[in-house]
N, C-alpha and C. Protein backbone atom coordinates (compact mmCIF):
# COMPACT_ATOMS: atom_id res chain seq x y z
N GLN A 1 -19.73 46.90 -7.47
CA GLN A 1 -20.05 47.14 -6.06
C GLN A 1 -19.34 46.08 -5.21
N VAL A 2 -18.49 46.56 -4.28
CA VAL A 2 -17.75 45.64 -3.42
C VAL A 2 -18.70 45.03 -2.39
N GLN A 3 -18.64 43.73 -2.26
CA GLN A 3 -19.42 43.02 -1.24
C GLN A 3 -18.55 41.99 -0.55
N LEU A 4 -18.73 41.89 0.76
CA LEU A 4 -18.08 40.87 1.57
C LEU A 4 -19.16 40.18 2.38
N VAL A 5 -19.23 38.86 2.27
CA VAL A 5 -20.29 38.12 2.95
C VAL A 5 -19.66 37.02 3.79
N GLU A 6 -19.83 37.14 5.11
CA GLU A 6 -19.28 36.15 6.03
C GLU A 6 -20.28 35.03 6.28
N SER A 7 -19.74 33.87 6.61
CA SER A 7 -20.56 32.74 7.03
C SER A 7 -19.73 31.82 7.89
N GLY A 8 -20.41 30.88 8.56
CA GLY A 8 -19.70 29.85 9.31
C GLY A 8 -19.70 30.01 10.81
N GLY A 9 -20.27 31.09 11.32
CA GLY A 9 -20.30 31.26 12.76
C GLY A 9 -21.28 30.31 13.42
N GLY A 10 -21.28 30.31 14.75
CA GLY A 10 -22.19 29.44 15.48
C GLY A 10 -21.79 29.30 16.93
N LEU A 11 -22.44 28.37 17.60
CA LEU A 11 -22.16 28.08 19.00
C LEU A 11 -21.29 26.83 19.08
N VAL A 12 -20.22 26.91 19.85
CA VAL A 12 -19.30 25.78 19.97
C VAL A 12 -18.81 25.71 21.40
N GLN A 13 -18.48 24.52 21.83
CA GLN A 13 -17.96 24.34 23.19
C GLN A 13 -16.48 24.72 23.24
N PRO A 14 -16.00 25.09 24.41
CA PRO A 14 -14.56 25.37 24.55
C PRO A 14 -13.73 24.19 24.06
N GLY A 15 -12.67 24.51 23.32
CA GLY A 15 -11.84 23.48 22.72
C GLY A 15 -12.28 23.06 21.33
N GLY A 16 -13.43 23.52 20.92
CA GLY A 16 -13.96 23.16 19.61
C GLY A 16 -13.38 24.00 18.49
N SER A 17 -13.88 23.76 17.28
CA SER A 17 -13.37 24.43 16.08
C SER A 17 -14.52 24.96 15.24
N LEU A 18 -14.24 26.01 14.50
CA LEU A 18 -15.14 26.56 13.50
C LEU A 18 -14.29 27.06 12.34
N ARG A 19 -14.89 27.08 11.15
CA ARG A 19 -14.23 27.71 10.01
C ARG A 19 -15.16 28.79 9.45
N LEU A 20 -14.67 30.00 9.47
CA LEU A 20 -15.41 31.12 8.90
C LEU A 20 -14.99 31.32 7.45
N SER A 21 -15.94 31.78 6.65
CA SER A 21 -15.67 32.10 5.25
C SER A 21 -16.08 33.54 4.97
N CYS A 22 -15.34 34.17 4.08
CA CYS A 22 -15.66 35.52 3.61
C CYS A 22 -15.64 35.50 2.09
N ALA A 23 -16.81 35.56 1.49
CA ALA A 23 -16.93 35.56 0.04
C ALA A 23 -16.94 36.99 -0.47
N ALA A 24 -16.03 37.31 -1.38
CA ALA A 24 -15.87 38.68 -1.87
C ALA A 24 -16.31 38.79 -3.32
N SER A 25 -16.79 39.97 -3.68
CA SER A 25 -17.17 40.24 -5.06
C SER A 25 -17.08 41.73 -5.32
N GLY A 26 -17.01 42.08 -6.61
CA GLY A 26 -17.04 43.48 -6.99
C GLY A 26 -15.69 44.15 -7.12
N PHE A 27 -14.60 43.40 -6.94
CA PHE A 27 -13.27 43.95 -7.11
C PHE A 27 -12.30 42.83 -7.46
N THR A 28 -11.08 43.21 -7.86
CA THR A 28 -10.07 42.21 -8.25
C THR A 28 -9.48 41.63 -6.98
N PHE A 29 -10.09 40.59 -6.51
CA PHE A 29 -9.85 40.03 -5.18
C PHE A 29 -8.38 39.74 -4.94
N ASN A 30 -7.69 39.15 -5.89
CA ASN A 30 -6.32 38.70 -5.64
C ASN A 30 -5.31 39.85 -5.54
N ASN A 31 -5.77 41.07 -5.77
CA ASN A 31 -4.88 42.23 -5.68
C ASN A 31 -4.87 42.89 -4.31
N PHE A 32 -5.68 42.38 -3.37
CA PHE A 32 -5.86 43.08 -2.11
C PHE A 32 -5.72 42.17 -0.90
N ALA A 33 -5.21 42.78 0.19
CA ALA A 33 -5.21 42.09 1.47
C ALA A 33 -6.63 42.03 2.02
N VAL A 34 -6.88 41.02 2.81
CA VAL A 34 -8.18 40.86 3.46
C VAL A 34 -7.94 40.56 4.94
N ASN A 35 -8.76 41.15 5.77
CA ASN A 35 -8.58 41.02 7.22
C ASN A 35 -9.81 40.41 7.87
N TRP A 36 -9.58 39.76 9.00
CA TRP A 36 -10.67 39.38 9.90
C TRP A 36 -10.53 40.21 11.17
N TYR A 37 -11.62 40.85 11.55
CA TYR A 37 -11.73 41.56 12.82
C TYR A 37 -12.79 40.87 13.67
N ARG A 38 -12.79 41.21 14.94
CA ARG A 38 -13.87 40.74 15.80
C ARG A 38 -14.21 41.83 16.82
N GLN A 39 -15.45 41.78 17.28
CA GLN A 39 -15.90 42.73 18.29
C GLN A 39 -16.75 41.99 19.31
N ALA A 40 -16.26 41.98 20.54
CA ALA A 40 -16.98 41.36 21.65
C ALA A 40 -17.87 42.43 22.30
N PRO A 41 -18.91 42.01 22.99
CA PRO A 41 -19.81 42.97 23.64
C PRO A 41 -19.05 43.90 24.58
N GLY A 42 -19.26 45.20 24.41
CA GLY A 42 -18.62 46.18 25.28
C GLY A 42 -17.16 46.45 24.99
N LYS A 43 -16.64 45.86 23.91
CA LYS A 43 -15.24 46.04 23.59
C LYS A 43 -15.09 46.65 22.20
N GLU A 44 -13.89 47.18 21.93
CA GLU A 44 -13.63 47.74 20.62
C GLU A 44 -13.35 46.62 19.61
N ARG A 45 -13.59 46.95 18.37
CA ARG A 45 -13.27 45.99 17.32
C ARG A 45 -11.76 45.81 17.24
N GLU A 46 -11.31 44.57 17.10
CA GLU A 46 -9.87 44.30 17.06
C GLU A 46 -9.52 43.44 15.86
N LEU A 47 -8.31 43.65 15.36
CA LEU A 47 -7.81 42.85 14.24
C LEU A 47 -7.41 41.48 14.75
N VAL A 48 -7.92 40.45 14.09
CA VAL A 48 -7.62 39.07 14.45
C VAL A 48 -6.54 38.49 13.55
N ALA A 49 -6.70 38.67 12.25
CA ALA A 49 -5.75 38.09 11.30
C ALA A 49 -5.83 38.84 9.99
N LEU A 50 -4.72 38.81 9.27
CA LEU A 50 -4.62 39.48 7.98
C LEU A 50 -3.91 38.56 7.01
N ILE A 51 -4.35 38.57 5.76
CA ILE A 51 -3.63 37.85 4.71
C ILE A 51 -3.43 38.82 3.54
N SER A 52 -2.19 38.98 3.13
CA SER A 52 -1.87 39.91 2.06
C SER A 52 -2.11 39.28 0.70
N LYS A 53 -1.96 40.09 -0.33
CA LYS A 53 -2.09 39.55 -1.70
C LYS A 53 -0.94 38.61 -2.02
N PHE A 54 0.13 38.70 -1.23
CA PHE A 54 1.28 37.81 -1.41
C PHE A 54 1.19 36.57 -0.53
N ILE A 55 0.06 36.41 0.15
CA ILE A 55 -0.24 35.26 1.01
C ILE A 55 0.58 35.29 2.30
N THR A 56 1.16 36.44 2.63
CA THR A 56 1.77 36.56 3.96
C THR A 56 0.66 36.79 4.98
N THR A 57 0.88 36.33 6.20
CA THR A 57 -0.16 36.38 7.22
C THR A 57 0.34 37.03 8.51
N THR A 58 -0.58 37.64 9.22
CA THR A 58 -0.32 38.26 10.51
C THR A 58 -1.46 37.91 11.44
N TYR A 59 -1.13 37.67 12.72
CA TYR A 59 -2.14 37.28 13.69
C TYR A 59 -2.03 38.11 14.96
N ALA A 60 -3.15 38.33 15.61
CA ALA A 60 -3.13 38.89 16.95
C ALA A 60 -2.49 37.86 17.89
N ASP A 61 -1.78 38.35 18.90
CA ASP A 61 -1.12 37.44 19.83
C ASP A 61 -2.10 36.47 20.47
N SER A 62 -3.31 36.93 20.71
CA SER A 62 -4.30 36.12 21.42
C SER A 62 -4.77 34.90 20.62
N VAL A 63 -4.53 34.90 19.31
CA VAL A 63 -5.02 33.79 18.49
C VAL A 63 -3.91 33.01 17.80
N LYS A 64 -2.67 33.46 17.96
CA LYS A 64 -1.55 32.75 17.32
C LYS A 64 -1.53 31.29 17.74
N CYS A 65 -1.23 30.44 16.78
CA CYS A 65 -1.14 28.98 16.98
C CYS A 65 -2.49 28.32 17.14
N ARG A 66 -3.57 29.11 17.13
CA ARG A 66 -4.92 28.52 17.20
C ARG A 66 -5.73 28.81 15.94
N PHE A 67 -5.53 29.99 15.37
CA PHE A 67 -6.29 30.40 14.19
C PHE A 67 -5.37 30.39 12.97
N THR A 68 -5.96 30.07 11.81
CA THR A 68 -5.23 30.11 10.55
C THR A 68 -6.07 30.81 9.50
N ILE A 69 -5.50 31.84 8.89
CA ILE A 69 -6.18 32.54 7.80
C ILE A 69 -5.61 32.05 6.48
N SER A 70 -6.50 31.90 5.50
CA SER A 70 -6.07 31.45 4.18
C SER A 70 -6.99 32.06 3.14
N ARG A 71 -6.58 31.97 1.89
CA ARG A 71 -7.42 32.51 0.82
C ARG A 71 -7.38 31.59 -0.37
N ASP A 72 -8.49 31.57 -1.10
CA ASP A 72 -8.59 30.84 -2.36
C ASP A 72 -8.99 31.86 -3.42
N ASN A 73 -8.03 32.33 -4.18
CA ASN A 73 -8.30 33.37 -5.17
C ASN A 73 -9.20 32.85 -6.31
N ALA A 74 -9.23 31.54 -6.51
CA ALA A 74 -10.07 30.98 -7.58
C ALA A 74 -11.56 31.19 -7.29
N VAL A 75 -11.90 31.26 -6.00
CA VAL A 75 -13.32 31.45 -5.64
C VAL A 75 -13.53 32.72 -4.82
N ASN A 76 -12.54 33.61 -4.83
CA ASN A 76 -12.65 34.91 -4.17
C ASN A 76 -13.11 34.79 -2.71
N THR A 77 -12.46 33.90 -1.99
CA THR A 77 -12.89 33.63 -0.61
C THR A 77 -11.68 33.59 0.33
N VAL A 78 -11.86 34.17 1.50
CA VAL A 78 -10.89 34.09 2.58
C VAL A 78 -11.51 33.27 3.71
N TYR A 79 -10.70 32.45 4.33
CA TYR A 79 -11.16 31.57 5.40
C TYR A 79 -10.43 31.90 6.71
N LEU A 80 -11.10 31.62 7.81
CA LEU A 80 -10.46 31.69 9.11
C LEU A 80 -10.78 30.39 9.85
N GLN A 81 -9.78 29.53 9.93
CA GLN A 81 -9.92 28.29 10.66
C GLN A 81 -9.58 28.57 12.12
N MET A 82 -10.52 28.28 13.00
CA MET A 82 -10.36 28.59 14.42
C MET A 82 -10.40 27.29 15.21
N ASN A 83 -9.30 26.97 15.85
CA ASN A 83 -9.19 25.74 16.64
C ASN A 83 -9.00 26.08 18.11
N ASN A 84 -9.26 25.11 18.96
CA ASN A 84 -9.10 25.28 20.40
C ASN A 84 -9.76 26.58 20.88
N LEU A 85 -10.99 26.74 20.50
CA LEU A 85 -11.71 27.98 20.82
C LEU A 85 -11.90 28.13 22.32
N LYS A 86 -11.85 29.39 22.77
CA LYS A 86 -11.98 29.72 24.17
C LYS A 86 -13.18 30.66 24.36
N PRO A 87 -13.74 30.71 25.54
CA PRO A 87 -14.87 31.64 25.76
C PRO A 87 -14.54 33.08 25.38
N GLU A 88 -13.30 33.48 25.56
CA GLU A 88 -12.93 34.86 25.23
C GLU A 88 -12.86 35.11 23.72
N ASP A 89 -13.03 34.07 22.91
CA ASP A 89 -13.13 34.26 21.47
C ASP A 89 -14.55 34.63 21.04
N THR A 90 -15.47 34.61 21.97
CA THR A 90 -16.85 34.97 21.65
C THR A 90 -16.92 36.40 21.17
N ALA A 91 -17.49 36.60 19.98
CA ALA A 91 -17.55 37.92 19.36
C ALA A 91 -18.29 37.81 18.03
N VAL A 92 -18.58 38.96 17.47
CA VAL A 92 -19.01 39.01 16.08
C VAL A 92 -17.74 39.19 15.24
N TYR A 93 -17.58 38.34 14.25
CA TYR A 93 -16.40 38.35 13.40
C TYR A 93 -16.75 39.00 12.07
N TYR A 94 -15.90 39.95 11.67
CA TYR A 94 -16.13 40.72 10.45
C TYR A 94 -14.98 40.54 9.47
N CYS A 95 -15.32 40.48 8.22
CA CYS A 95 -14.35 40.49 7.14
C CYS A 95 -14.18 41.94 6.68
N HIS A 96 -12.96 42.33 6.37
CA HIS A 96 -12.68 43.71 5.98
C HIS A 96 -11.67 43.74 4.83
N CYS A 97 -11.85 44.71 3.96
CA CYS A 97 -10.90 44.93 2.88
C CYS A 97 -10.86 46.43 2.58
N ARG A 98 -9.66 46.92 2.34
CA ARG A 98 -9.51 48.31 1.91
C ARG A 98 -9.19 48.30 0.43
N VAL A 99 -10.07 48.90 -0.35
CA VAL A 99 -9.90 48.97 -1.80
C VAL A 99 -9.77 50.45 -2.15
N GLY A 100 -8.58 50.84 -2.60
CA GLY A 100 -8.33 52.26 -2.83
C GLY A 100 -8.39 53.01 -1.51
N VAL A 101 -9.22 54.03 -1.43
CA VAL A 101 -9.37 54.81 -0.20
C VAL A 101 -10.58 54.39 0.61
N ASN A 102 -11.25 53.36 0.18
CA ASN A 102 -12.49 52.94 0.82
C ASN A 102 -12.30 51.67 1.64
N ASN A 103 -12.95 51.65 2.80
CA ASN A 103 -12.97 50.47 3.65
C ASN A 103 -14.31 49.76 3.48
N TYR A 104 -14.24 48.45 3.31
CA TYR A 104 -15.45 47.66 3.14
C TYR A 104 -15.52 46.60 4.23
N TRP A 105 -16.73 46.42 4.75
CA TRP A 105 -16.97 45.45 5.83
C TRP A 105 -18.11 44.54 5.44
N GLY A 106 -18.01 43.30 5.90
CA GLY A 106 -19.15 42.41 5.80
C GLY A 106 -20.14 42.69 6.91
N GLN A 107 -21.22 41.92 6.93
CA GLN A 107 -22.27 42.12 7.92
C GLN A 107 -21.93 41.47 9.26
N GLY A 108 -20.93 40.60 9.27
CA GLY A 108 -20.52 39.94 10.50
C GLY A 108 -21.17 38.59 10.69
N THR A 109 -20.47 37.72 11.42
CA THR A 109 -21.02 36.41 11.77
C THR A 109 -20.70 36.17 13.25
N GLN A 110 -21.70 35.71 13.99
CA GLN A 110 -21.56 35.56 15.43
C GLN A 110 -20.87 34.24 15.78
N VAL A 111 -19.87 34.33 16.64
CA VAL A 111 -19.22 33.14 17.19
C VAL A 111 -19.42 33.18 18.70
N ALA A 112 -19.96 32.10 19.24
CA ALA A 112 -20.17 31.99 20.68
C ALA A 112 -19.50 30.71 21.18
N VAL A 113 -18.65 30.87 22.18
CA VAL A 113 -17.94 29.73 22.74
C VAL A 113 -18.39 29.57 24.19
N SER A 114 -19.11 28.49 24.44
CA SER A 114 -19.68 28.30 25.77
C SER A 114 -19.95 26.83 26.01
N ALA A 115 -19.82 26.44 27.27
CA ALA A 115 -20.13 25.07 27.66
C ALA A 115 -21.63 24.92 27.88
């Protein structure tokens, strides 16, 4: 059974940092790309960052040079390091993976950026 469990969200002031974690289980983790999405209130869910099985990365323009996605295949975990956070980064952040024809999502972790 595929499971994705996010952690690391919280309340932070503008300019601050957070590191999100996505712990995966139930599949051969190192064979698949993993994505971070986010959804702000009243907005559609958007792709924030992606890391492939080859460790190549892609970022949304809005987070380039501020966020870094990485993975540790030894512990089946993907990380999202978020620096210089802005109020517009406030959202629920979700981990996602497509395994075969199925899409899997974590439960989400709330990030709030406010003074």
